[in-house]
PDB file of N, CA and C in Angstrom:
ATOM      1  N   MET A   1      53.916  22.252 -17.092  1.00  0.00           N
ATOM      2  CA  MET A   1      52.425  22.604 -18.004  1.00  0.00           C
ATOM      3  C   MET A   1      51.852  22.985 -16.519  1.00  0.00           C
ATOM      4  N   ASP A   2      51.015  23.833 -16.332  1.00  0.00           N
ATOM      5  CA  ASP A   2      50.464  23.802 -14.588  1.00  0.00           C
ATOM      6  C   ASP A   2      49.241  22.925 -14.613  1.00  0.00           C
ATOM      7  N   GLU A   3      48.189  22.812 -13.948  1.00  0.00           N
ATOM      8  CA  GLU A   3      47.297  22.289 -13.416  1.00  0.00           C
ATOM      9  C   GLU A   3      46.267  22.938 -14.388  1.00  0.00           C
ATOM     10  N   GLN A   4      46.066  24.304 -14.724  1.00  0.00           N
ATOM     11  CA  GLN A   4      44.969  24.816 -15.082  1.00  0.00           C
ATOM     12  C   GLN A   4      44.854  24.568 -16.634  1.00  0.00           C
ATOM     13  N   HIS A   5      46.259  24.719 -16.975  1.00  0.00           N
ATOM     14  CA  HIS A   5      46.318  24.246 -18.656  1.00  0.00           C
ATOM     15  C   HIS A   5      45.969  22.924 -18.934  1.00  0.00           C
ATOM     16  N   SER A   6      46.557  22.078 -17.802  1.00  0.00           N
ATOM     17  CA  SER A   6      46.215  20.556 -18.395  1.00  0.00           C
ATOM     18  C   SER A   6      44.731  20.374 -18.068  1.00  0.00           C
ATOM     19  N   TYR A   7      44.294  20.930 -17.307  1.00  0.00           N
ATOM     20  CA  TYR A   7      42.573  20.978 -16.825  1.00  0.00           C
ATOM     21  C   TYR A   7      41.897  21.432 -18.353  1.00  0.00           C
ATOM     22  N   MET A   8      42.045  22.408 -18.904  1.00  0.00           N
ATOM     23  CA  MET A   8      41.672  23.235 -19.830  1.00  0.00           C
ATOM     24  C   MET A   8      41.983  22.032 -21.506  1.00  0.00           C
ATOM     25  N   ARG A   9      43.145  21.354 -21.307  1.00  0.00           N
ATOM     26  CA  ARG A   9      43.260  21.009 -22.624  1.00  0.00           C
ATOM     27  C   ARG A   9      42.685  19.456 -22.573  1.00  0.00           C
ATOM     28  N   TYR A  10      42.335  18.573 -21.202  1.00  0.00           N
ATOM     29  CA  TYR A  10      41.679  17.907 -21.116  1.00  0.00           C
ATOM     30  C   TYR A  10      39.991  18.153 -21.318  1.00  0.00           C
ATOM     31  N   LEU A  11      39.645  19.209 -20.961  1.00  0.00           N
ATOM     32  CA  LEU A  11      38.024  19.669 -21.076  1.00  0.00           C
ATOM     33  C   LEU A  11      38.064  19.838 -22.596  1.00  0.00           C
ATOM     34  N   CYS A  12      39.018  20.433 -23.262  1.00  0.00           N
ATOM     35  CA  CYS A  12      39.072  20.803 -24.885  1.00  0.00           C
ATOM     36  C   CYS A  12      38.783  19.024 -25.582  1.00  0.00           C
ATOM     37  N   LEU A  13      39.700  18.600 -25.286  1.00  0.00           N
ATOM     38  CA  LEU A  13      39.564  16.828 -25.659  1.00  0.00           C
ATOM     39  C   LEU A  13      38.397  16.400 -25.701  1.00  0.00           C
ATOM     40  N   THR A  14      37.626  16.544 -24.282  1.00  0.00           N
ATOM     41  CA  THR A  14      36.505  15.975 -24.353  1.00  0.00           C
ATOM     42  C   THR A  14      35.380  16.072 -24.585  1.00  0.00           C
ATOM     43  N   ILE A  15      35.500  17.576 -25.023  1.00  0.00           N
ATOM     44  CA  ILE A  15      34.293  18.176 -25.817  1.00  0.00           C
ATOM     45  C   ILE A  15      34.397  18.002 -27.302  1.00  0.00           C
ATOM     46  N   CYS A  16      35.885  17.656 -27.923  1.00  0.00           N
ATOM     47  CA  CYS A  16      36.320  17.451 -29.088  1.00  0.00           C
ATOM     48  C   CYS A  16      35.423  15.613 -29.658  1.00  0.00           C
ATOM     49  N   LEU A  17      35.577  15.045 -28.490  1.00  0.00           N
ATOM     50  CA  LEU A  17      35.245  13.599 -28.635  1.00  0.00           C
ATOM     51  C   LEU A  17      33.865  13.780 -28.497  1.00  0.00           C
ATOM     52  N   ALA A  18      33.163  14.422 -27.696  1.00  0.00           N
ATOM     53  CA  ALA A  18      32.014  14.230 -28.010  1.00  0.00           C
ATOM     54  C   ALA A  18      31.349  14.708 -28.935  1.00  0.00           C
ATOM     55  N   ILE A  19      31.682  15.743 -29.615  1.00  0.00           N
ATOM     56  CA  ILE A  19      31.252  16.205 -31.062  1.00  0.00           C
ATOM     57  C   ILE A  19      31.482  15.216 -32.077  1.00  0.00           C
ATOM     58  N   PHE A  20      33.242  15.178 -32.198  1.00  0.00           N
ATOM     59  CA  PHE A  20      33.384  13.969 -33.307  1.00  0.00           C
ATOM     60  C   PHE A  20      33.795  12.971 -32.768  1.00  0.00           C
ATOM     61  N   PRO A  21      32.869  11.612 -32.282  1.00  0.00           N
ATOM     62  CA  PRO A  21      33.625  10.451 -31.717  1.00  0.00           C
ATOM     63  C   PRO A  21      34.236   9.841 -32.936  1.00  0.00           C
ATOM     64  N   LEU A  22      35.270   9.002 -32.238  1.00  0.00           N
ATOM     65  CA  LEU A  22      36.427   8.807 -33.023  1.00  0.00           C
ATOM     66  C   LEU A  22      35.763   7.668 -33.942  1.00  0.00           C
ATOM     67  N   LYS A  23      34.658   6.548 -33.165  1.00  0.00           N
ATOM     68  CA  LYS A  23      34.312   5.492 -34.257  1.00  0.00           C
ATOM     69  C   LYS A  23      33.660   6.321 -35.552  1.00  0.00           C
ATOM     70  N   ASP A  24      33.279   7.307 -35.534  1.00  0.00           N
ATOM     71  CA  ASP A  24      32.654   7.831 -36.620  1.00  0.00           C
ATOM     72  C   ASP A  24      33.728   8.345 -37.865  1.00  0.00           C
ATOM     73  N   TYR A  25      35.083   7.929 -37.718  1.00  0.00           N
ATOM     74  CA  TYR A  25      36.049   7.865 -38.635  1.00  0.00           C
ATOM     75  C   TYR A  25      36.921   6.718 -38.632  1.00  0.00           C
ATOM     76  N   LEU A  26      36.378   5.801 -38.295  1.00  0.00           N
ATOM     77  CA  LEU A  26      36.941   4.550 -38.618  1.00  0.00           C
ATOM     78  C   LEU A  26      36.494   3.745 -39.778  1.00  0.00           C
ATOM     79  N   PRO A  27      37.527   3.334 -40.717  1.00  0.00           N
ATOM     80  CA  PRO A  27      36.878   2.594 -41.818  1.00  0.00           C
ATOM     81  C   PRO A  27      35.668   1.709 -41.835  1.00  0.00           C
ATOM     82  N   GLU A  28      34.871   1.612 -42.912  1.00  0.00           N
ATOM     83  CA  GLU A  28      33.700   0.650 -42.799  1.00  0.00           C
ATOM     84  C   GLU A  28      34.141  -0.277 -43.449  1.00  0.00           C
ATOM     85  N   ILE A  29      33.950  -1.582 -43.313  1.00  0.00           N
ATOM     86  CA  ILE A  29      34.046  -2.889 -44.109  1.00  0.00           C
ATOM     87  C   ILE A  29      33.025  -3.698 -43.951  1.00  0.00           C
ATOM     88  N   LYS A  30      32.065  -4.175 -44.936  1.00  0.00           N
ATOM     89  CA  LYS A  30      31.158  -5.190 -44.749  1.00  0.00           C
ATOM     90  C   LYS A  30      31.907  -6.368 -45.089  1.00  0.00           C
ATOM     91  N   ILE A  31      31.112  -7.268 -44.100  1.00  0.00           N
ATOM     92  CA  ILE A  31      31.829  -8.662 -43.855  1.00  0.00           C
ATOM     93  C   ILE A  31      30.683  -9.732 -43.962  1.00  0.00           C
ATOM     94  N   HIS A  32      30.729 -10.928 -44.763  1.00  0.00           N
ATOM     95  CA  HIS A  32      29.852 -11.645 -44.367  1.00  0.00           C
ATOM     96  C   HIS A  32      30.299 -12.992 -44.204  1.00  0.00           C
ATOM     97  N   LEU A  33      30.048 -13.716 -42.973  1.00  0.00           N
ATOM     98  CA  LEU A  33      30.360 -14.722 -41.915  1.00  0.00           C
ATOM     99  C   LEU A  33      29.301 -15.757 -42.600  1.00  0.00           C
ATOM    100  N   THR A  34      30.243 -17.044 -42.835  1.00  0.00           N
ATOM    101  CA  THR A  34      29.455 -18.322 -43.569  1.00  0.00           C
ATOM    102  C   THR A  34      30.275 -19.536 -42.242  1.00  0.00           C
ATOM    103  N   SER A  35      29.278 -20.291 -41.941  1.00  0.00           N
ATOM    104  CA  SER A  35      29.815 -21.346 -41.003  1.00  0.00           C
ATOM    105  C   SER A  35      28.803 -22.503 -41.287  1.00  0.00           C
ATOM    106  N   ASP A  36      29.464 -23.373 -40.424  1.00  0.00           N
ATOM    107  CA  ASP A  36      28.629 -24.815 -40.598  1.00  0.00           C
ATOM    108  C   ASP A  36      28.357 -24.993 -39.320  1.00  0.00           C
ATOM    109  N   VAL A  37      28.464 -24.498 -37.942  1.00  0.00           N
ATOM    110  CA  VAL A  37      28.418 -24.343 -36.857  1.00  0.00           C
ATOM    111  C   VAL A  37      26.903 -23.470 -36.690  1.00  0.00           C
ATOM    112  N   ASP A  38      26.183 -24.073 -35.302  1.00  0.00           N
ATOM    113  CA  ASP A  38      24.664 -23.121 -35.452  1.00  0.00           C
ATOM    114  C   ASP A  38      24.792 -21.842 -34.849  1.00  0.00           C
ATOM    115  N   SER A  39      23.535 -21.305 -35.418  1.00  0.00           N
ATOM    116  CA  SER A  39      23.234 -19.644 -35.455  1.00  0.00           C
ATOM    117  C   SER A  39      24.115 -18.781 -34.059  1.00  0.00           C
ATOM    118  N   ALA A  40      23.799 -19.552 -33.064  1.00  0.00           N
ATOM    119  CA  ALA A  40      24.337 -19.142 -31.850  1.00  0.00           C
ATOM    120  C   ALA A  40      25.987 -19.030 -31.717  1.00  0.00           C
ATOM    121  N   TYR A  41      26.379 -19.942 -32.268  1.00  0.00           N
ATOM    122  CA  TYR A  41      27.748 -19.762 -32.047  1.00  0.00           C
ATOM    123  C   TYR A  41      28.173 -18.755 -33.309  1.00  0.00           C
ATOM    124  N   LYS A  42      27.753 -19.160 -34.196  1.00  0.00           N
ATOM    125  CA  LYS A  42      27.945 -18.177 -35.608  1.00  0.00           C
ATOM    126  C   LYS A  42      27.583 -16.481 -35.005  1.00  0.00           C
ATOM    127  N   ASN A  43      26.567 -16.116 -33.841  1.00  0.00           N
ATOM    128  CA  ASN A  43      26.325 -14.934 -33.512  1.00  0.00           C
ATOM    129  C   ASN A  43      27.855 -14.716 -32.456  1.00  0.00           C
ATOM    130  N   TYR A  44      28.147 -15.960 -31.720  1.00  0.00           N
ATOM    131  CA  TYR A  44      29.463 -15.475 -31.122  1.00  0.00           C
ATOM    132  C   TYR A  44      30.883 -15.047 -31.905  1.00  0.00           C
ATOM    133  N   LEU A  45      30.882 -15.660 -33.008  1.00  0.00           N
ATOM    134  CA  LEU A  45      31.931 -15.555 -33.742  1.00  0.00           C
ATOM    135  C   LEU A  45      32.180 -13.895 -33.926  1.00  0.00           C
ATOM    136  N   LYS A  46      30.402 -13.688 -34.615  1.00  0.00           N
ATOM    137  CA  LYS A  46      30.753 -12.392 -34.876  1.00  0.00           C
ATOM    138  C   LYS A  46      30.820 -11.043 -34.112  1.00  0.00           C
ATOM    139  N   GLN A  47      30.564 -11.611 -33.081  1.00  0.00           N
ATOM    140  CA  GLN A  47      30.791 -10.654 -32.182  1.00  0.00           C
ATOM    141  C   GLN A  47      32.130 -10.728 -31.336  1.00  0.00           C
ATOM    142  N   ALA A  48      32.708 -11.807 -31.354  1.00  0.00           N
ATOM    143  CA  ALA A  48      34.336 -12.160 -30.935  1.00  0.00           C
ATOM    144  C   ALA A  48      35.301 -11.298 -31.848  1.00  0.00           C
ATOM    145  N   ILE A  49      34.798 -11.214 -33.272  1.00  0.00           N
ATOM    146  CA  ILE A  49      35.503 -10.606 -34.628  1.00  0.00           C
ATOM    147  C   ILE A  49      35.481  -9.196 -34.344  1.00  0.00           C
ATOM    148  N   ALA A  50      34.102  -8.619 -33.801  1.00  0.00           N
ATOM    149  CA  ALA A  50      33.913  -7.310 -33.834  1.00  0.00           C
ATOM    150  C   ALA A  50      34.167  -6.510 -32.629  1.00  0.00           C
ATOM    151  N   LEU A  51      34.202  -7.185 -31.378  1.00  0.00           N
ATOM    152  CA  LEU A  51      35.200  -6.670 -30.472  1.00  0.00           C
ATOM    153  C   LEU A  51      36.593  -6.832 -30.511  1.00  0.00           C
ATOM    154  N   HIS A  52      37.085  -7.691 -31.196  1.00  0.00           N
ATOM    155  CA  HIS A  52      38.717  -7.512 -31.519  1.00  0.00           C
ATOM    156  C   HIS A  52      39.227  -6.430 -31.901  1.00  0.00           C
ATOM    157  N   PHE A  53      38.329  -6.181 -33.232  1.00  0.00           N
ATOM    158  CA  PHE A  53      38.768  -5.086 -34.140  1.00  0.00           C
ATOM    159  C   PHE A  53      38.180  -3.737 -33.903  1.00  0.00           C
ATOM    160  N   LYS A  54      37.138  -3.366 -32.819  1.00  0.00           N
ATOM    161  CA  LYS A  54      36.476  -2.311 -32.590  1.00  0.00           C
ATOM    162  C   LYS A  54      37.070  -0.884 -32.810  1.00  0.00           C
ATOM    163  N   ASN A  55      38.364  -1.081 -31.917  1.00  0.00           N
ATOM    164  CA  ASN A  55      38.653   0.663 -31.807  1.00  0.00           C
ATOM    165  C   ASN A  55      39.502   0.623 -33.355  1.00  0.00           C
ATOM    166  N   PHE A  56      39.459  -0.425 -34.232  1.00  0.00           N
ATOM    167  CA  PHE A  56      40.409  -0.240 -35.636  1.00  0.00           C
ATOM    168  C   PHE A  56      39.367  -0.027 -36.956  1.00  0.00           C
ATOM    169  N   TYR A  57      38.493  -0.834 -36.744  1.00  0.00           N
ATOM    170  CA  TYR A  57      37.195  -0.937 -38.160  1.00  0.00           C
ATOM    171  C   TYR A  57      35.956  -1.018 -37.731  1.00  0.00           C
ATOM    172  N   SER A  58      34.969  -0.459 -38.596  1.00  0.00           N
ATOM    173  CA  SER A  58      33.592  -0.672 -38.331  1.00  0.00           C
ATOM    174  C   SER A  58      32.983  -1.613 -39.059  1.00  0.00           C
ATOM    175  N   LEU A  59      33.083  -2.683 -38.274  1.00  0.00           N
ATOM    176  CA  LEU A  59      32.709  -3.925 -39.083  1.00  0.00           C
ATOM    177  C   LEU A  59      31.181  -4.101 -39.225  1.00  0.00           C
ATOM    178  N   HIS A  60      30.385  -4.332 -40.100  1.00  0.00           N
ATOM    179  CA  HIS A  60      29.360  -4.518 -40.419  1.00  0.00           C
ATOM    180  C   HIS A  60      29.042  -6.126 -41.093  1.00  0.00           C
ATOM    181  N   PHE A  61      28.294  -6.712 -40.293  1.00  0.00           N
ATOM    182  CA  PHE A  61      27.909  -8.077 -41.076  1.00  0.00           C
ATOM    183  C   PHE A  61      27.020  -8.420 -41.310  1.00  0.00           C
ATOM    184  N   ILE A  62      26.947  -8.711 -42.631  1.00  0.00           N
ATOM    185  CA  ILE A  62      25.983  -8.549 -43.448  1.00  0.00           C
ATOM    186  C   ILE A  62      25.329 -10.184 -44.157  1.00  0.00           C
ATOM    187  N   ASP A  63      24.312 -10.353 -44.204  1.00  0.00           N
ATOM    188  CA  ASP A  63      23.523 -11.643 -44.860  1.00  0.00           C
ATOM    189  C   ASP A  63      24.004 -12.115 -46.189  1.00  0.00           C
ATOM    190  N   ASN A  64      24.055 -11.157 -47.354  1.00  0.00           N
ATOM    191  CA  ASN A  64      24.274 -11.367 -48.540  1.00  0.00           C
ATOM    192  C   ASN A  64      25.608 -11.372 -48.863  1.00  0.00           C
ATOM    193  N   PHE A  65      26.228 -12.693 -49.253  1.00  0.00           N
ATOM    194  CA  PHE A  65      27.780 -12.459 -49.049  1.00  0.00           C
ATOM    195  C   PHE A  65      28.227 -11.609 -50.841  1.00  0.00           C
ATOM    196  N   LYS A  66      27.334 -11.265 -51.862  1.00  0.00           N
ATOM    197  CA  LYS A  66      27.277 -10.187 -52.908  1.00  0.00           C
ATOM    198  C   LYS A  66      27.794  -9.369 -52.734  1.00  0.00           C
ATOM    199  N   GLN A  67      27.081  -8.648 -51.454  1.00  0.00           N
ATOM    200  CA  GLN A  67      27.595  -7.356 -50.969  1.00  0.00           C
ATOM    201  C   GLN A  67      28.683  -7.165 -49.809  1.00  0.00           C
ATOM    202  N   ALA A  68      29.262  -8.068 -49.651  1.00  0.00           N
ATOM    203  CA  ALA A  68      30.376  -7.968 -48.706  1.00  0.00           C
ATOM    204  C   ALA A  68      31.418  -7.681 -49.239  1.00  0.00           C
ATOM    205  N   GLU A  69      32.599  -7.216 -48.952  1.00  0.00           N
ATOM    206  CA  GLU A  69      33.787  -7.115 -49.269  1.00  0.00           C
ATOM    207  C   GLU A  69      34.712  -7.971 -48.862  1.00  0.00           C
ATOM    208  N   ILE A  70      34.475  -8.402 -47.522  1.00  0.00           N
ATOM    209  CA  ILE A  70      35.494  -9.902 -47.355  1.00  0.00           C
ATOM    210  C   ILE A  70      34.231 -10.875 -46.939  1.00  0.00           C
ATOM    211  N   ILE A  71      34.788 -11.979 -46.979  1.00  0.00           N
ATOM    212  CA  ILE A  71      33.639 -13.260 -46.827  1.00  0.00           C
ATOM    213  C   ILE A  71      34.993 -13.927 -45.490  1.00  0.00           C
ATOM    214  N   VAL A  72      34.342 -14.336 -44.405  1.00  0.00           N
ATOM    215  CA  VAL A  72      35.305 -14.837 -43.633  1.00  0.00           C
ATOM    216  C   VAL A  72      34.347 -16.074 -43.310  1.00  0.00           C
ATOM    217  N   SER A  73      34.884 -17.549 -43.386  1.00  0.00           N
ATOM    218  CA  SER A  73      33.845 -18.439 -42.942  1.00  0.00           C
ATOM    219  C   SER A  73      34.746 -19.675 -42.637  1.00  0.00           C
ATOM    220  N   THR A  74      34.217 -20.579 -42.027  1.00  0.00           N
ATOM    221  CA  THR A  74      34.946 -21.889 -41.635  1.00  0.00           C
ATOM    222  C   THR A  74      35.030 -23.129 -42.070  1.00  0.00           C
ATOM    223  N   LEU A  75      34.523 -22.376 -43.315  1.00  0.00           N
ATOM    224  CA  LEU A  75      34.692 -23.777 -44.427  1.00  0.00           C
ATOM    225  C   LEU A  75      35.113 -23.101 -45.611  1.00  0.00           C
ATOM    226  N   PRO A  76      35.906 -23.989 -46.463  1.00  0.00           N
ATOM    227  CA  PRO A  76      36.550 -23.144 -47.901  1.00  0.00           C
ATOM    228  C   PRO A  76      35.387 -22.423 -48.366  1.00  0.00           C
ATOM    229  N   PHE A  77      35.537 -21.316 -48.861  1.00  0.00           N
ATOM    230  CA  PHE A  77      34.269 -20.744 -49.666  1.00  0.00           C
ATOM    231  C   PHE A  77      34.596 -20.925 -51.173  1.00  0.00           C
ATOM    232  N   PRO A  78      34.042 -21.199 -52.054  1.00  0.00           N
ATOM    233  CA  PRO A  78      34.139 -21.404 -53.622  1.00  0.00           C
ATOM    234  C   PRO A  78      34.668 -20.139 -54.159  1.00  0.00           C
ATOM    235  N   ASN A  79      35.639 -20.108 -54.990  1.00  0.00           N
ATOM    236  CA  ASN A  79      36.199 -19.053 -55.275  1.00  0.00           C
ATOM    237  C   ASN A  79      35.099 -18.448 -56.676  1.00  0.00           C
ATOM    238  N   GLN A  80      34.823 -19.411 -57.210  1.00  0.00           N
ATOM    239  CA  GLN A  80      33.997 -19.099 -58.556  1.00  0.00           C
ATOM    240  C   GLN A  80      32.647 -17.517 -58.241  1.00  0.00           C
ATOM    241  N   TYR A  81      31.984 -17.966 -56.707  1.00  0.00           N
ATOM    242  CA  TYR A  81      31.662 -16.994 -56.684  1.00  0.00           C
ATOM    243  C   TYR A  81      31.730 -15.777 -55.963  1.00  0.00           C
ATOM    244  N   LEU A  82      33.525 -15.415 -55.952  1.00  0.00           N
ATOM    245  CA  LEU A  82      33.417 -14.080 -55.410  1.00  0.00           C
ATOM    246  C   LEU A  82      33.834 -13.236 -56.637  1.00  0.00           C
ATOM    247  N   THR A  83      33.602 -11.840 -56.361  1.00  0.00           N
ATOM    248  CA  THR A  83      33.765 -11.131 -57.591  1.00  0.00           C
ATOM    249  C   THR A  83      35.049 -10.771 -57.629  1.00  0.00           C
ATOM    250  N   PRO A  84      35.880 -10.071 -58.334  1.00  0.00           N
ATOM    251  CA  PRO A  84      37.298  -9.706 -58.354  1.00  0.00           C
ATOM    252  C   PRO A  84      37.777  -8.944 -57.221  1.00  0.00           C
ATOM    253  N   SER A  85      36.925  -8.532 -56.785  1.00  0.00           N
ATOM    254  CA  SER A  85      37.020  -7.295 -55.686  1.00  0.00           C
ATOM    255  C   SER A  85      36.906  -7.923 -54.417  1.00  0.00           C
ATOM    256  N   GLN A  86      36.279  -8.916 -54.046  1.00  0.00           N
ATOM    257  CA  GLN A  86      35.983  -9.757 -53.006  1.00  0.00           C
ATOM    258  C   GLN A  86      37.432 -10.573 -52.654  1.00  0.00           C
ATOM    259  N   LYS A  87      37.716 -10.586 -51.421  1.00  0.00           N
ATOM    260  CA  LYS A  87      38.681 -11.615 -50.781  1.00  0.00           C
ATOM    261  C   LYS A  87      37.886 -12.415 -49.654  1.00  0.00           C
ATOM    262  N   SER A  88      38.479 -13.636 -49.551  1.00  0.00           N
ATOM    263  CA  SER A  88      37.919 -14.439 -48.669  1.00  0.00           C
ATOM    264  C   SER A  88      38.992 -14.791 -47.438  1.00  0.00           C
ATOM    265  N   LEU A  89      38.569 -15.553 -46.500  1.00  0.00           N
ATOM    266  CA  LEU A  89      39.659 -16.155 -45.601  1.00  0.00           C
ATOM    267  C   LEU A  89      38.627 -17.230 -44.601  1.00  0.00           C
ATOM    268  N   VAL A  90      39.398 -18.294 -44.480  1.00  0.00           N
ATOM    269  CA  VAL A  90      38.969 -19.433 -43.898  1.00  0.00           C
ATOM    270  C   VAL A  90      39.326 -19.357 -42.484  1.00  0.00           C
ATOM    271  N   ILE A  91      38.780 -19.124 -41.381  1.00  0.00           N
ATOM    272  CA  ILE A  91      39.288 -19.242 -39.961  1.00  0.00           C
ATOM    273  C   ILE A  91      38.887 -20.517 -39.283  1.00  0.00           C
ATOM    274  N   ARG A  92      39.116 -20.990 -37.799  1.00  0.00           N
ATOM    275  CA  ARG A  92      38.928 -21.848 -37.051  1.00  0.00           C
ATOM    276  C   ARG A  92      37.548 -21.764 -36.680  1.00  0.00           C
ATOM    277  N   ALA A  93      36.462 -22.503 -36.242  1.00  0.00           N
ATOM    278  CA  ALA A  93      35.551 -22.502 -35.199  1.00  0.00           C
ATOM    279  C   ALA A  93      36.126 -22.105 -34.027  1.00  0.00           C
ATOM    280  N   GLN A  94      36.698 -22.380 -33.442  1.00  0.00           N
ATOM    281  CA  GLN A  94      37.540 -22.419 -32.562  1.00  0.00           C
ATOM    282  C   GLN A  94      38.593 -20.674 -32.749  1.00  0.00           C
ATOM    283  N   LEU A  95      38.128 -19.397 -32.688  1.00  0.00           N
ATOM    284  CA  LEU A  95      39.044 -18.770 -33.164  1.00  0.00           C
ATOM    285  C   LEU A  95      40.382 -18.711 -32.359  1.00  0.00           C
ATOM    286  N   SER A  96      41.257 -18.367 -33.002  1.00  0.00           N
ATOM    287  CA  SER A  96      42.645 -18.145 -32.342  1.00  0.00           C
ATOM    288  C   SER A  96      43.341 -16.944 -32.682  1.00  0.00           C
ATOM    289  N   GLU A  97      44.310 -16.849 -32.240  1.00  0.00           N
ATOM    290  CA  GLU A  97      44.991 -15.378 -32.534  1.00  0.00           C
ATOM    291  C   GLU A  97      45.405 -15.837 -33.773  1.00  0.00           C
ATOM    292  N   LYS A  98      45.951 -16.607 -34.353  1.00  0.00           N
ATOM    293  CA  LYS A  98      46.523 -16.496 -35.558  1.00  0.00           C
ATOM    294  C   LYS A  98      45.291 -16.254 -36.386  1.00  0.00           C
ATOM    295  N   ASP A  99      43.909 -16.807 -36.347  1.00  0.00           N
ATOM    296  CA  ASP A  99      42.993 -16.301 -37.147  1.00  0.00           C
ATOM    297  C   ASP A  99      42.490 -14.984 -37.315  1.00  0.00           C
ATOM    298  N   PHE A 100      42.766 -14.317 -36.025  1.00  0.00           N
ATOM    299  CA  PHE A 100      42.701 -12.868 -35.948  1.00  0.00           C
ATOM    300  C   PHE A 100      43.827 -11.723 -36.161  1.00  0.00           C
ATOM    301  N   GLY A 101      44.939 -12.623 -36.314  1.00  0.00           N
ATOM    302  CA  GLY A 101      46.264 -11.947 -37.114  1.00  0.00           C
ATOM    303  C   GLY A 101      45.801 -11.893 -38.713  1.00  0.00           C
ATOM    304  N   ALA A 102      45.197 -13.219 -38.924  1.00  0.00           N
ATOM    305  CA  ALA A 102      45.461 -13.241 -40.667  1.00  0.00           C
ATOM    306  C   ALA A 102      44.340 -12.417 -41.085  1.00  0.00           C
ATOM    307  N   LEU A 103      43.045 -12.399 -40.249  1.00  0.00           N
ATOM    308  CA  LEU A 103      42.012 -11.465 -40.456  1.00  0.00           C
ATOM    309  C   LEU A 103      42.370 -10.103 -40.479  1.00  0.00           C
ATOM    310  N   GLU A 104      43.401  -9.629 -39.494  1.00  0.00           N
ATOM    311  CA  GLU A 104      43.824  -8.477 -39.414  1.00  0.00           C
ATOM    312  C   GLU A 104      44.750  -7.689 -40.599  1.00  0.00           C
ATOM    313  N   GLN A 105      45.171  -8.742 -41.135  1.00  0.00           N
ATOM    314  CA  GLN A 105      46.376  -8.817 -42.534  1.00  0.00           C
ATOM    315  C   GLN A 105      45.227  -8.488 -43.634  1.00  0.00           C
ATOM    316  N   LEU A 106      44.237  -9.111 -43.795  1.00  0.00           N
ATOM    317  CA  LEU A 106      43.171  -8.799 -44.817  1.00  0.00           C
ATOM    318  C   LEU A 106      42.594  -7.898 -44.790  1.00  0.00           C
ATOM    319  N   LEU A 107      42.076  -7.328 -43.587  1.00  0.00           N
ATOM    320  CA  LEU A 107      41.643  -6.075 -43.451  1.00  0.00           C
ATOM    321  C   LEU A 107      42.610  -4.641 -43.712  1.00  0.00           C
ATOM    322  N   LYS A 108      43.922  -4.842 -43.186  1.00  0.00           N
ATOM    323  CA  LYS A 108      44.908  -3.877 -43.341  1.00  0.00           C
ATOM    324  C   LYS A 108      44.931  -3.741 -45.206  1.00  0.00           C
ATOM    325  N   LYS A 109      45.303  -4.961 -45.910  1.00  0.00           N
ATOM    326  CA  LYS A 109      45.245  -5.171 -47.082  1.00  0.00           C
ATOM    327  C   LYS A 109      43.940  -4.149 -47.804  1.00  0.00           C
ATOM    328  N   HIS A 110      42.900  -4.580 -47.453  1.00  0.00           N
ATOM    329  CA  HIS A 110      41.883  -4.211 -48.265  1.00  0.00           C
ATOM    330  C   HIS A 110      41.686  -2.807 -48.133  1.00  0.00           C
ATOM    331  N   ILE A 111      41.997  -1.950 -46.798  1.00  0.00           N
ATOM    332  CA  ILE A 111      42.031  -0.500 -46.328  1.00  0.00           C
ATOM    333  C   ILE A 111      43.248   0.058 -47.258  1.00  0.00           C
ATOM    334  N   LYS A 112      44.219  -0.509 -47.379  1.00  0.00           N
ATOM    335  CA  LYS A 112      45.211  -0.278 -48.288  1.00  0.00           C
ATOM    336  C   LYS A 112      44.765   0.018 -49.808  1.00  0.00           C
ATOM    337  N   SER A 113      44.063  -0.854 -50.174  1.00  0.00           N
ATOM    338  CA  SER A 113      43.993  -1.000 -51.422  1.00  0.00           C
ATOM    339  C   SER A 113      42.586   0.109 -52.142  1.00  0.00           C
ATOM    340  N   GLY A 114      42.039   0.582 -51.019  1.00  0.00           N
ATOM    341  CA  GLY A 114      41.212   2.188 -50.951  1.00  0.00           C
ATOM    342  C   GLY A 114      39.977   1.291 -51.399  1.00  0.00           C
ATOM    343  N   LYS A 115      39.661   0.365 -51.295  1.00  0.00           N
ATOM    344  CA  LYS A 115      38.165  -0.273 -51.668  1.00  0.00           C
ATOM    345  C   LYS A 115      37.138   0.111 -50.527  1.00  0.00           C
ATOM    346  N   SER A 116      37.668   0.695 -49.404  1.00  0.00           N
ATOM    347  CA  SER A 116      36.616   0.583 -48.087  1.00  0.00           C
ATOM    348  C   SER A 116      36.434   2.239 -48.288  1.00  0.00           C
TER     349      SER A 116
END
């Protein structure tokens, strides 16, 4: 492919991405994060999770657990408060790759079930 064609392809791709940003097509998922740590660290957890998955999902952290699709907690969350469509995951306060892996599996399962 010659240099001019390569430039035109790059230009077309750039225009397409400007008009249709890829982030607008990411699956949106509502997450409620509950924890026994202070609010500053809780905000860190939200940012760390959002940053880890930013290229794959549009995660929206919400305060009302009843409106959440997924509940992430550093403490076991009582199952009697979950609706049949909600899923919960217990993570460590010190996030590990194992926690990210478990959350990734839960997010993938949620998307495959067509709930988002």
